Amino acid sequence: MLPNKYDKGMVCHTSHLQDRWLLQDRRIMGHFNIDEYNNYIDPAEEQWKLEARCANTDTESWFVNKGEDYDTDILNKICGQCSVKLACLEYAVKYRMAGYWAGTTGDDRKKLRAV
């Protein structure tokens, strides 16, 4: 069995995107402590990621620096055919994730939360 991000002291090794998710979570918390990460998000809430079409794609497209634009043509093709898009969107809204999730940007999701 491969180590995963929930093993004490381990970083996720299952895909580049999951590594990026872990690093993003680190930014949200302001520092990184695996015990705090384990308490932050219930692993059961992340099972959908295993079925995500983006799981083994290049992560650079999904997370851009402030002022840069997403390559929405490519990202929407991937998100548009994803079977877990709704779970992805719910997760991104709930945890206020940065980046491109379920065909939405962080600004798109801020508008959704305001409704």
Protein backbone atom coordinates (compact mmCIF):
# COMPACT_ATOMS: atom_id res chain seq x y z
CA MET A 1 0.00 0.00 0.00
CA LEU A 2 1.33 3.43 -0.95
CA PRO A 3 1.70 6.08 1.73
CA ASN A 4 -0.90 8.81 1.64
CA LYS A 5 -1.23 12.30 3.03
CA TYR A 6 -2.98 11.02 6.14
CA ASP A 7 -0.03 8.96 7.32
CA LYS A 8 1.82 10.81 10.05
CA GLY A 9 4.62 12.86 8.56
CA MET A 10 3.90 11.77 4.99
CA VAL A 11 3.10 13.92 2.01
CA CYS A 12 0.67 12.63 -0.57
CA HIS A 13 2.43 10.66 -3.30
CA THR A 14 -0.59 9.53 -5.30
CA SER A 15 -0.68 12.39 -7.81
CA HIS A 16 0.74 15.81 -8.53
CA LEU A 17 -2.67 17.42 -8.10
CA GLN A 18 -3.13 15.92 -4.66
CA ASP A 19 0.33 17.24 -3.71
CA ARG A 20 -0.82 20.65 -4.90
CA TRP A 21 -4.04 20.33 -2.86
CA LEU A 22 -1.94 19.57 0.19
CA LEU A 23 0.27 22.60 -0.42
CA GLN A 24 -2.81 24.77 -0.92
CA ASP A 25 -4.26 23.56 2.37
CA ARG A 26 -0.94 24.53 3.96
CA ARG A 27 -1.38 28.09 2.65
CA ILE A 28 -4.90 28.27 4.05
CA MET A 29 -3.76 27.23 7.51
CA GLY A 30 -0.72 29.55 7.41
CA HIS A 31 1.65 26.75 8.38
CA PHE A 32 1.82 23.03 7.96
CA ASN A 33 1.37 20.38 10.60
CA ILE A 34 0.13 16.96 9.45
CA ASP A 35 -1.91 16.47 12.65
CA GLU A 36 -3.71 19.76 12.05
CA TYR A 37 -4.27 18.81 8.42
CA ASN A 38 -5.79 15.51 9.50
CA ASN A 39 -8.21 17.41 11.74
CA TYR A 40 -8.97 20.05 9.12
CA ILE A 41 -10.55 17.90 6.41
CA ASP A 42 -12.24 14.57 6.96
CA PRO A 43 -10.59 11.98 4.65
CA ALA A 44 -14.04 10.66 3.77
CA GLU A 45 -14.78 14.04 2.17
CA GLU A 46 -11.88 13.56 -0.23
CA GLN A 47 -12.77 10.17 -1.69
CA TRP A 48 -14.23 11.79 -4.80
CA LYS A 49 -10.72 13.03 -5.73
CA LEU A 50 -9.77 9.49 -6.69
CA GLU A 51 -12.33 9.64 -9.53
CA ALA A 52 -11.60 13.20 -10.65
CA ARG A 53 -10.55 13.59 -14.29
CA CYS A 54 -7.92 16.12 -13.21
CA ALA A 55 -6.20 13.81 -10.72
CA ASN A 56 -3.24 13.05 -12.96
CA THR A 57 -2.98 16.29 -14.90
CA ASP A 58 -0.37 19.04 -14.71
CA THR A 59 -1.22 21.14 -11.67
CA GLU A 60 0.23 24.39 -12.95
CA SER A 61 -2.93 25.03 -14.98
CA TRP A 62 -5.21 24.67 -11.97
CA PHE A 63 -3.44 27.18 -9.73
CA VAL A 64 -2.26 30.50 -11.16
CA ASN A 65 -0.57 33.49 -9.58
CA LYS A 66 -2.59 36.61 -8.86
CA GLY A 67 -3.14 38.57 -12.07
CA GLU A 68 -2.63 35.54 -14.34
CA ASP A 69 -5.44 33.95 -16.32
CA TYR A 70 -6.55 30.34 -16.32
CA ASP A 71 -6.46 28.38 -19.58
CA THR A 72 -10.21 27.88 -19.34
CA ASP A 73 -10.52 26.12 -22.71
CA ILE A 74 -8.46 23.17 -21.49
CA LEU A 75 -9.72 23.22 -17.91
CA ASN A 76 -13.38 23.35 -18.92
CA LYS A 77 -12.89 20.36 -21.24
CA ILE A 78 -11.55 18.36 -18.31
CA CYS A 79 -14.12 19.61 -15.77
CA GLY A 80 -17.00 19.40 -18.22
CA GLN A 81 -16.64 15.64 -18.59
CA CYS A 82 -15.88 14.89 -14.94
CA SER A 83 -18.22 12.59 -13.07
CA VAL A 84 -17.44 14.18 -9.68
CA LYS A 85 -17.84 17.83 -10.66
CA LEU A 86 -20.60 18.50 -8.11
CA ALA A 87 -18.58 16.98 -5.25
CA CYS A 88 -15.59 19.03 -6.38
CA LEU A 89 -17.61 22.24 -6.37
CA GLU A 90 -19.14 21.53 -2.96
CA TYR A 91 -15.68 20.82 -1.54
CA ALA A 92 -14.15 23.96 -3.05
CA VAL A 93 -16.97 26.15 -1.75
CA LYS A 94 -17.02 24.56 1.71
CA TYR A 95 -13.26 24.82 2.27
CA ARG A 96 -12.79 28.09 0.36
CA MET A 97 -10.18 26.57 -1.88
CA ALA A 98 -7.95 28.66 -4.11
CA GLY A 99 -7.53 27.62 -7.72
CA TYR A 100 -9.77 26.28 -10.44
CA TRP A 101 -12.27 23.70 -9.17
CA ALA A 102 -15.29 22.21 -10.96
CA GLY A 103 -15.14 24.78 -13.75
CA THR A 104 -15.05 27.74 -11.34
CA THR A 105 -12.46 30.22 -10.12
CA GLY A 106 -12.13 31.46 -6.57
CA ASP A 107 -14.02 34.61 -7.56
CA ASP A 108 -16.84 32.52 -9.05
CA ARG A 109 -17.15 30.60 -5.80
CA LYS A 110 -17.17 33.80 -3.71
CA LYS A 111 -20.22 34.86 -5.70
CA LEU A 112 -21.86 31.48 -5.07
CA ARG A 113 -21.30 31.79 -1.33
CA ALA A 114 -22.84 35.26 -1.35
CA VAL A 115 -26.11 33.95 -2.82
